[in-house]
Amino acid sequence: MLNLPASGLSLLEEMKNMFLEESSSDFKISCGSEEFPVHKFILTTRVQVFKTMLGSDKSYNEVKDGVLRVEDISAKTMKTF
């Protein structure tokens, strides 16, 4: 059995901390002049649109570029999500 040291945080807290951690992100959402590092796994688990976009169909430009550009939402609004 693998015995790893616990951080003292719950799994939910760890996931929240990981969500915007750039070093392990594999996708970005761009709003205005800001980019938010995100994780495809979390996006596709929570939102059907991302599951479709980032799933098996690689024809979306966002998938090829690794960046989803959102032009109708401000960075301030995006931070609240």
N, C-alpha and C. Protein backbone atom coordinates (compact mmCIF):
# COMPACT_ATOMS: atom_id res chain seq x y z
N MET A 1 0.84 -1.18 0.00
CA MET A 1 0.00 0.00 0.00
C MET A 1 0.88 1.24 0.00
N LEU A 2 0.57 2.17 -0.85
CA LEU A 2 1.31 3.43 -0.95
C LEU A 2 0.89 4.36 0.17
N ASN A 3 1.85 4.86 0.91
CA ASN A 3 1.55 5.73 2.05
C ASN A 3 2.14 7.12 1.79
N LEU A 4 1.31 8.05 1.35
CA LEU A 4 1.75 9.40 1.06
C LEU A 4 1.41 10.34 2.20
N PRO A 5 2.25 11.34 2.45
CA PRO A 5 1.94 12.29 3.53
C PRO A 5 0.71 13.12 3.18
N ALA A 6 -0.16 13.30 4.15
CA ALA A 6 -1.38 14.09 3.94
C ALA A 6 -1.07 15.57 4.09
N SER A 7 -1.74 16.40 3.30
CA SER A 7 -1.52 17.84 3.35
C SER A 7 -2.35 18.50 4.44
N GLY A 8 -3.31 17.77 4.99
CA GLY A 8 -4.20 18.35 5.98
C GLY A 8 -5.43 18.97 5.36
N LEU A 9 -5.48 19.03 4.04
CA LEU A 9 -6.64 19.59 3.33
C LEU A 9 -7.56 18.47 2.87
N SER A 10 -8.84 18.78 2.76
CA SER A 10 -9.78 17.80 2.22
C SER A 10 -9.57 17.68 0.72
N LEU A 11 -10.09 16.63 0.14
CA LEU A 11 -9.97 16.44 -1.31
C LEU A 11 -10.60 17.62 -2.04
N LEU A 12 -11.74 18.10 -1.56
CA LEU A 12 -12.39 19.25 -2.19
C LEU A 12 -11.49 20.48 -2.15
N GLU A 13 -10.85 20.72 -1.02
CA GLU A 13 -9.93 21.86 -0.91
C GLU A 13 -8.74 21.71 -1.85
N GLU A 14 -8.22 20.50 -1.94
CA GLU A 14 -7.10 20.23 -2.85
C GLU A 14 -7.51 20.48 -4.30
N MET A 15 -8.72 20.04 -4.67
CA MET A 15 -9.20 20.24 -6.03
C MET A 15 -9.38 21.73 -6.33
N LYS A 16 -9.91 22.49 -5.37
CA LYS A 16 -10.06 23.93 -5.56
C LYS A 16 -8.71 24.59 -5.77
N ASN A 17 -7.72 24.21 -4.99
CA ASN A 17 -6.38 24.78 -5.13
C ASN A 17 -5.76 24.42 -6.46
N MET A 18 -5.99 23.21 -6.92
CA MET A 18 -5.41 22.74 -8.17
C MET A 18 -6.04 23.41 -9.38
N PHE A 19 -7.32 23.79 -9.27
CA PHE A 19 -8.07 24.26 -10.44
C PHE A 19 -7.36 25.38 -11.19
N LEU A 20 -6.83 26.36 -10.51
CA LEU A 20 -6.17 27.48 -11.19
C LEU A 20 -4.65 27.44 -11.07
N GLU A 21 -4.11 26.29 -10.77
CA GLU A 21 -2.66 26.15 -10.66
C GLU A 21 -2.05 25.97 -12.05
N GLU A 22 -1.29 26.94 -12.46
CA GLU A 22 -0.77 26.96 -13.83
C GLU A 22 0.20 25.83 -14.13
N SER A 23 0.97 25.42 -13.16
CA SER A 23 2.00 24.42 -13.42
C SER A 23 1.43 23.07 -13.85
N SER A 24 0.21 22.76 -13.46
CA SER A 24 -0.36 21.47 -13.86
C SER A 24 -1.56 21.61 -14.79
N SER A 25 -1.83 22.82 -15.25
CA SER A 25 -2.99 23.01 -16.15
C SER A 25 -2.67 22.49 -17.54
N ASP A 26 -3.71 22.14 -18.27
CA ASP A 26 -3.52 21.64 -19.64
C ASP A 26 -4.41 22.37 -20.65
N PHE A 27 -4.98 23.50 -20.21
CA PHE A 27 -5.86 24.29 -21.07
C PHE A 27 -5.96 25.68 -20.46
N LYS A 28 -6.34 26.67 -21.28
CA LYS A 28 -6.50 28.03 -20.77
C LYS A 28 -7.80 28.64 -21.29
N ILE A 29 -8.39 29.49 -20.46
CA ILE A 29 -9.54 30.28 -20.86
C ILE A 29 -9.08 31.72 -20.85
N SER A 30 -9.24 32.41 -21.96
CA SER A 30 -8.79 33.79 -22.12
C SER A 30 -9.99 34.72 -22.12
N CYS A 31 -9.95 35.73 -21.24
CA CYS A 31 -10.99 36.75 -21.16
C CYS A 31 -10.29 38.11 -21.15
N GLY A 32 -10.51 38.90 -22.18
CA GLY A 32 -9.83 40.18 -22.26
C GLY A 32 -8.33 39.97 -22.29
N SER A 33 -7.63 40.62 -21.38
CA SER A 33 -6.17 40.52 -21.36
C SER A 33 -5.67 39.46 -20.38
N GLU A 34 -6.58 38.72 -19.75
CA GLU A 34 -6.17 37.71 -18.77
C GLU A 34 -6.41 36.30 -19.28
N GLU A 35 -5.52 35.41 -18.88
CA GLU A 35 -5.68 33.99 -19.17
C GLU A 35 -5.77 33.22 -17.87
N PHE A 36 -6.70 32.28 -17.83
CA PHE A 36 -6.91 31.45 -16.66
C PHE A 36 -6.48 30.03 -16.96
N PRO A 37 -5.48 29.53 -16.24
CA PRO A 37 -5.07 28.13 -16.44
C PRO A 37 -6.12 27.21 -15.84
N VAL A 38 -6.53 26.21 -16.59
CA VAL A 38 -7.57 25.28 -16.14
C VAL A 38 -7.18 23.85 -16.49
N HIS A 39 -8.04 22.93 -16.10
CA HIS A 39 -7.80 21.51 -16.33
C HIS A 39 -8.96 20.93 -17.12
N LYS A 40 -8.64 20.32 -18.25
CA LYS A 40 -9.68 19.73 -19.09
C LYS A 40 -10.52 18.71 -18.31
N PHE A 41 -9.87 17.95 -17.47
CA PHE A 41 -10.57 16.92 -16.70
C PHE A 41 -11.71 17.54 -15.89
N ILE A 42 -11.43 18.64 -15.22
CA ILE A 42 -12.45 19.29 -14.39
C ILE A 42 -13.52 19.91 -15.27
N LEU A 43 -13.11 20.60 -16.33
CA LEU A 43 -14.09 21.23 -17.23
C LEU A 43 -15.03 20.20 -17.84
N THR A 44 -14.48 19.11 -18.34
CA THR A 44 -15.30 18.11 -19.02
C THR A 44 -16.17 17.32 -18.04
N THR A 45 -15.76 17.23 -16.81
CA THR A 45 -16.56 16.54 -15.81
C THR A 45 -17.77 17.36 -15.41
N ARG A 46 -17.62 18.67 -15.40
CA ARG A 46 -18.66 19.55 -14.88
C ARG A 46 -19.56 20.18 -15.93
N VAL A 47 -19.11 20.31 -17.18
CA VAL A 47 -19.86 21.07 -18.18
C VAL A 47 -19.93 20.28 -19.49
N GLN A 48 -21.14 19.98 -19.93
CA GLN A 48 -21.34 19.18 -21.15
C GLN A 48 -20.72 19.84 -22.38
N VAL A 49 -20.80 21.15 -22.49
CA VAL A 49 -20.23 21.86 -23.65
C VAL A 49 -18.73 21.58 -23.74
N PHE A 50 -18.04 21.62 -22.61
CA PHE A 50 -16.60 21.34 -22.62
C PHE A 50 -16.34 19.87 -22.91
N LYS A 51 -17.21 19.00 -22.43
CA LYS A 51 -17.05 17.57 -22.71
C LYS A 51 -17.11 17.33 -24.22
N THR A 52 -18.05 18.00 -24.87
CA THR A 52 -18.17 17.86 -26.32
C THR A 52 -16.98 18.49 -27.04
N MET A 53 -16.64 19.70 -26.62
CA MET A 53 -15.57 20.44 -27.29
C MET A 53 -14.20 19.78 -27.11
N LEU A 54 -13.91 19.33 -25.91
CA LEU A 54 -12.58 18.82 -25.60
C LEU A 54 -12.49 17.30 -25.67
N GLY A 55 -13.61 16.66 -25.97
CA GLY A 55 -13.64 15.20 -26.03
C GLY A 55 -12.97 14.65 -27.26
N SER A 56 -13.65 13.80 -27.95
CA SER A 56 -13.04 13.08 -29.07
C SER A 56 -12.87 13.92 -30.33
N ASP A 57 -13.68 14.95 -30.51
CA ASP A 57 -13.61 15.75 -31.74
C ASP A 57 -12.53 16.81 -31.61
N LYS A 58 -11.46 16.64 -32.34
CA LYS A 58 -10.33 17.56 -32.24
C LYS A 58 -10.36 18.65 -33.31
N SER A 59 -11.51 18.85 -33.94
CA SER A 59 -11.59 19.83 -35.02
C SER A 59 -11.80 21.26 -34.53
N TYR A 60 -12.13 21.43 -33.24
CA TYR A 60 -12.31 22.78 -32.71
C TYR A 60 -10.96 23.49 -32.62
N ASN A 61 -10.93 24.74 -33.05
CA ASN A 61 -9.68 25.52 -32.97
C ASN A 61 -9.18 25.62 -31.54
N GLU A 62 -10.10 25.72 -30.58
CA GLU A 62 -9.72 25.84 -29.18
C GLU A 62 -8.91 24.62 -28.72
N VAL A 63 -9.29 23.47 -29.21
CA VAL A 63 -8.58 22.25 -28.84
C VAL A 63 -7.18 22.27 -29.44
N LYS A 64 -7.08 22.70 -30.68
CA LYS A 64 -5.78 22.77 -31.34
C LYS A 64 -4.87 23.80 -30.68
N ASP A 65 -5.43 24.97 -30.32
CA ASP A 65 -4.65 26.05 -29.72
C ASP A 65 -4.41 25.87 -28.23
N GLY A 66 -5.29 25.14 -27.56
CA GLY A 66 -5.19 24.99 -26.12
C GLY A 66 -5.72 26.18 -25.35
N VAL A 67 -6.44 27.08 -26.06
CA VAL A 67 -6.98 28.28 -25.43
C VAL A 67 -8.40 28.52 -25.93
N LEU A 68 -9.31 28.73 -24.99
CA LEU A 68 -10.67 29.14 -25.33
C LEU A 68 -10.77 30.63 -25.09
N ARG A 69 -11.04 31.38 -26.14
CA ARG A 69 -11.17 32.83 -26.03
C ARG A 69 -12.64 33.20 -25.83
N VAL A 70 -12.93 33.83 -24.70
CA VAL A 70 -14.29 34.23 -24.37
C VAL A 70 -14.33 35.75 -24.47
N GLU A 71 -15.08 36.24 -25.43
CA GLU A 71 -15.08 37.68 -25.70
C GLU A 71 -16.24 38.43 -25.07
N ASP A 72 -17.26 37.71 -24.61
CA ASP A 72 -18.43 38.40 -24.08
C ASP A 72 -18.54 38.33 -22.55
N ILE A 73 -17.45 37.91 -21.90
CA ILE A 73 -17.40 37.88 -20.44
C ILE A 73 -16.09 38.54 -20.01
N SER A 74 -16.18 39.42 -19.02
CA SER A 74 -14.97 40.08 -18.53
C SER A 74 -14.17 39.13 -17.65
N ALA A 75 -12.90 39.45 -17.49
CA ALA A 75 -12.04 38.66 -16.61
C ALA A 75 -12.55 38.70 -15.18
N LYS A 76 -13.08 39.83 -14.77
CA LYS A 76 -13.63 39.99 -13.42
C LYS A 76 -14.79 39.01 -13.21
N THR A 77 -15.67 38.92 -14.19
CA THR A 77 -16.79 37.99 -14.10
C THR A 77 -16.29 36.54 -14.08
N MET A 78 -15.32 36.22 -14.93
CA MET A 78 -14.79 34.87 -15.00
C MET A 78 -14.18 34.45 -13.67
N LYS A 79 -13.57 35.37 -12.96
CA LYS A 79 -12.95 35.04 -11.67
C LYS A 79 -13.97 34.58 -10.64
N THR A 80 -15.21 35.01 -10.78
CA THR A 80 -16.23 34.61 -9.81
C THR A 80 -16.65 33.16 -10.01
N PHE A 81 -16.36 32.59 -11.16
CA PHE A 81 -16.70 31.19 -11.41
C PHE A 81 -15.54 30.34 -10.99
